[in-house]
Amino acid sequence: MSAAQYRAERAQRLLEDPLLQEARQTVIQALQSEVLSLPLGERERREAAVAMLKGAEQFFRVFELVMDGFKLERAELTNAAQIQARHHAIEERIRNG
């Protein structure tokens, strides 16, 4: 197994891990609750809470993009291996007439 395949498999497991999904949901829900619970008059606290919520959402989006990048790298390696195998098969047919 190549390093890219290993990273892709680990990435897939991480994204599907119930603990990570639960943690994400907990963080987002807690920040949303914080934003909604603050009175409109507490502008600075609301802005800080909204910024934290946006930051958390952005973190999870970037995390998923990184993990998808590992999966894409694995797919590209698999595709390259398939092309190489086809190339060898064609060469073999040419040699064997």
Protein backbone atom coordinates (compact mmCIF):
# COMPACT_ATOMS: atom_id res chain seq x y z
CA MET A 1 0.00 0.00 0.00
CA SER A 2 1.40 3.36 -1.01
CA ALA A 3 1.56 6.32 1.32
CA ALA A 4 -1.18 8.04 -0.70
CA GLN A 5 -3.46 5.02 -0.42
CA TYR A 6 -2.80 4.84 3.31
CA ARG A 7 -3.57 8.55 3.78
CA ALA A 8 -6.73 8.23 1.68
CA GLU A 9 -8.00 5.30 3.70
CA ARG A 10 -7.23 7.09 6.96
CA ALA A 11 -8.96 10.21 5.65
CA GLN A 12 -12.06 8.21 4.76
CA ARG A 13 -12.13 6.61 8.21
CA LEU A 14 -11.75 10.01 9.88
CA LEU A 15 -14.57 11.58 7.90
CA GLU A 16 -16.85 8.64 8.66
CA ASP A 17 -15.84 8.36 12.32
CA PRO A 18 -18.94 8.84 14.50
CA LEU A 19 -16.84 10.55 17.18
CA LEU A 20 -15.63 13.22 14.74
CA GLN A 21 -19.16 13.69 13.40
CA GLU A 22 -20.49 14.03 16.93
CA ALA A 23 -17.75 16.48 17.88
CA ARG A 24 -18.46 18.60 14.82
CA GLN A 25 -22.17 18.63 15.54
CA THR A 26 -21.57 19.49 19.20
CA VAL A 27 -19.24 22.38 18.39
CA ILE A 28 -21.52 23.86 15.74
CA GLN A 29 -24.66 23.47 17.87
CA ALA A 30 -22.99 25.00 20.93
CA LEU A 31 -21.81 28.01 18.93
CA GLN A 32 -25.20 28.43 17.25
CA SER A 33 -26.90 28.30 20.65
CA GLU A 34 -24.47 30.89 21.98
CA VAL A 35 -25.20 33.23 19.06
CA LEU A 36 -28.95 32.83 19.43
CA SER A 37 -28.94 33.24 23.21
CA LEU A 38 -27.10 36.55 23.29
CA PRO A 39 -29.23 39.68 23.44
CA LEU A 40 -29.00 42.03 20.48
CA GLY A 41 -27.60 44.68 22.80
CA GLU A 42 -24.44 42.65 23.44
CA ARG A 43 -23.03 43.44 20.05
CA GLU A 44 -19.38 42.62 20.76
CA ARG A 45 -20.15 39.26 22.32
CA ARG A 46 -22.51 38.39 19.45
CA GLU A 47 -19.90 39.35 16.86
CA ALA A 48 -17.30 37.24 18.66
CA ALA A 49 -19.65 34.27 18.85
CA VAL A 50 -20.58 34.62 15.16
CA ALA A 51 -16.89 34.83 14.25
CA MET A 52 -16.19 31.67 16.25
CA LEU A 53 -19.09 29.89 14.53
CA LYS A 54 -17.88 30.93 11.09
CA GLY A 55 -14.34 29.88 12.00
CA ALA A 56 -15.51 26.46 13.16
CA GLU A 57 -17.57 25.95 10.01
CA GLN A 58 -14.63 27.02 7.87
CA PHE A 59 -12.29 24.67 9.75
CA PHE A 60 -14.54 21.69 9.07
CA ARG A 61 -14.92 22.65 5.39
CA VAL A 62 -11.15 22.93 4.97
CA PHE A 63 -10.64 19.67 6.87
CA GLU A 64 -13.01 17.91 4.49
CA LEU A 65 -11.23 19.42 1.49
CA VAL A 66 -7.88 18.16 2.76
CA MET A 67 -9.32 14.70 3.33
CA ASP A 68 -10.91 14.77 -0.14
CA GLY A 69 -7.50 15.71 -1.52
CA PHE A 70 -6.05 12.53 -0.08
CA LYS A 71 -8.88 10.53 -1.65
CA LEU A 72 -8.30 12.29 -4.97
CA GLU A 73 -4.60 11.50 -4.78
CA ARG A 74 -5.44 7.82 -4.27
CA ALA A 75 -7.83 7.88 -7.23
CA GLU A 76 -5.18 9.47 -9.42
CA LEU A 77 -2.65 6.82 -8.41
CA THR A 78 -5.18 4.08 -9.11
CA ASN A 79 -5.92 5.61 -12.50
CA ALA A 80 -2.20 5.83 -13.29
CA ALA A 81 -1.75 2.18 -12.31
CA GLN A 82 -4.65 1.16 -14.57
CA ILE A 83 -3.18 3.11 -17.49
CA GLN A 84 0.20 1.48 -16.89
CA ALA A 85 -1.40 -1.98 -16.80
CA ARG A 86 -3.23 -1.30 -20.07
CA HIS A 87 -0.01 -0.07 -21.63
CA HIS A 88 1.79 -3.27 -20.62
CA ALA A 89 -1.10 -5.38 -21.97
CA ILE A 90 -0.94 -3.58 -25.32
CA GLU A 91 2.83 -4.02 -25.49
CA GLU A 92 2.40 -7.72 -24.73
CA ARG A 93 -0.19 -8.13 -27.49
CA ILE A 94 2.09 -6.36 -29.96
CA ARG A 95 5.01 -8.65 -29.04
CA ASN A 96 2.91 -11.79 -29.26
CA GLY A 97 1.41 -10.71 -32.57
